[in-house]
């Protein structure tokens, strides 16, 4: 705690990053001591719990949600919520939304035989271009290549799990 205060007042090079890391450590220690976020009444833990709720809601509704709707739901100003997301997630709202949609698209590619065009619509895009670009940037392959490579891996892992269950 003393080191955290020193960083704040000294404001040496990269003090903000150090402060952030000290706060994360403090949060982890508080969580361990209290058992879980829900039991912890410390403001930092409550803030983290609220952020987790917001991100969870964003993921669940990423096909239709906007920053304004999300801000309204949690009674925040959209600019403030945008800053909160950037500070806590390290990326802007729009990028986080795209990440959520890509994660859902990847899951749908592996669990369904739907076309990329249909999956794009299901995750909130009007056309498949953002899916193709996103997969190329994130996975360095096309969605169909992802389906082939990762689908085979998922099937082999599922087969291993089925064999383990039968023992």
Foldseek 3Di string as FASTA:
>chain_A
DVVLVCLVVVVPPPSVVVNVVVLVVVLVVQCVVQVHLVRDPDPSSVLVVVVVVLLVVCLVPLQDDDLVNSCVVVVHDSVVVQVVCCVVVVDGPVVSSLVSLLVQLLVCLLVHPDDLQVSCNVSHHPGNVSNQVVCCVPVVDGSVVSSVPVNVVVVVVVVVVVVVVVD
